[in-house]
Protein backbone atom coordinates (compact mmCIF):
# COMPACT_ATOMS: atom_id res chain seq x y z
CA UNK A 1 78.35 72.79 84.60
CA UNK A 2 80.07 70.02 87.37
CA UNK A 3 82.24 67.53 85.94
CA UNK A 4 83.93 64.48 88.04
CA UNK A 5 86.85 62.83 86.02
CA UNK A 6 89.24 60.04 87.98
CA UNK A 7 93.20 61.23 88.40
CA UNK A 8 94.14 58.34 85.86
CA UNK A 9 92.13 59.93 82.91
CA UNK A 10 93.54 63.57 83.52
CA UNK A 11 96.69 62.48 82.17
CA UNK A 12 95.88 62.35 78.99
CA UNK A 13 93.51 65.38 79.04
CA UNK A 14 94.27 67.57 80.72
CA UNK A 15 94.50 70.56 78.16
CA UNK A 16 91.65 69.81 77.42
CA UNK A 17 90.09 70.49 81.17
CA UNK A 18 92.03 73.52 81.23
CA UNK A 19 90.82 74.57 78.11
CA UNK A 20 86.81 73.20 79.58
CA UNK A 21 88.04 75.47 82.65
CA UNK A 22 89.14 78.70 80.45
CA UNK A 23 85.39 78.47 79.33
CA UNK A 24 83.61 78.58 82.95
CA UNK A 25 83.18 74.81 83.23
CA UNK A 26 84.62 73.23 86.44
CA UNK A 27 86.29 70.16 87.15
CA UNK A 28 86.47 67.80 89.95
CA UNK A 29 89.32 65.16 89.64
CA UNK A 30 88.59 62.45 92.26
CA UNK A 31 90.24 59.04 93.18
CA UNK A 32 88.35 56.02 93.95
CA UNK A 33 85.60 57.47 93.08
CA UNK A 34 85.99 60.28 95.97
CA UNK A 35 86.48 64.23 94.74
CA UNK A 36 89.75 65.39 96.48
CA UNK A 37 90.96 68.51 94.01
CA UNK A 38 88.94 71.03 92.26
CA UNK A 39 89.33 73.13 89.24
CA UNK A 40 87.03 75.76 88.58
CA UNK A 41 88.41 78.98 86.63
CA UNK A 42 89.73 82.59 88.55
CA UNK A 43 87.08 85.43 88.84
CA UNK A 44 88.68 88.85 88.56
CA UNK A 45 88.28 91.19 90.49
CA UNK A 46 85.04 93.33 89.84
CA UNK A 47 86.81 96.74 91.42
CA UNK A 48 89.87 97.84 92.15
CA UNK A 49 90.84 98.34 95.59
CA UNK A 50 90.98 101.91 96.68
CA UNK A 51 93.09 102.92 99.60
CA UNK A 52 91.23 104.24 102.55
CA UNK A 53 87.85 102.25 101.36
CA UNK A 54 87.64 100.91 105.17
CA UNK A 55 88.98 104.38 107.17
CA UNK A 56 86.84 103.78 110.60
CA UNK A 57 85.72 100.49 110.37
CA UNK A 58 88.59 99.24 111.75
CA UNK A 59 89.60 99.33 115.91
CA UNK A 60 92.88 98.63 117.09
CA UNK A 61 92.54 98.31 120.77
CA UNK A 62 94.89 100.73 122.91
CA UNK A 63 96.72 97.32 124.73
CA UNK A 64 97.44 95.54 121.20
CA UNK A 65 100.83 95.63 121.68
CA UNK A 66 101.25 95.37 125.34
CA UNK A 67 103.00 92.52 126.76
CA UNK A 68 100.44 88.57 126.89
CA UNK A 69 100.11 88.47 130.64
CA UNK A 70 102.04 85.96 132.26
CA UNK A 71 99.91 82.44 132.53
CA UNK A 72 99.24 82.69 128.45
CA UNK A 73 102.63 83.28 128.00
CA UNK A 74 103.26 80.52 130.84
CA UNK A 75 101.01 78.19 127.93
CA UNK A 76 103.42 79.35 125.35
CA UNK A 77 106.75 78.04 127.99
CA UNK A 78 105.48 75.71 129.72
CA UNK A 79 103.72 73.64 127.32
CA UNK A 80 103.10 70.10 127.44
CA UNK A 81 102.87 69.12 123.62
CA UNK A 82 105.53 66.88 122.04
CA UNK A 83 108.77 68.66 120.78
CA UNK A 84 108.54 67.42 116.96
């Protein structure tokens, strides 16, 4: 179940909202009726991470560490973007 609550109402109800989230409810926080954030319970990992389980599924290109071509480097060094 999803409940939408406007932010001014959350000040007095924050602890209650957290208990509801812990119980599995999803709470949308809204500002002037527009949802801007969502409170959801954190789901625990269902299985432990196993080192090496993706072995053979990832390929790294032989030129991974090779220098970038000049035309790409020039885009970095001669950018037309304004300085911050």
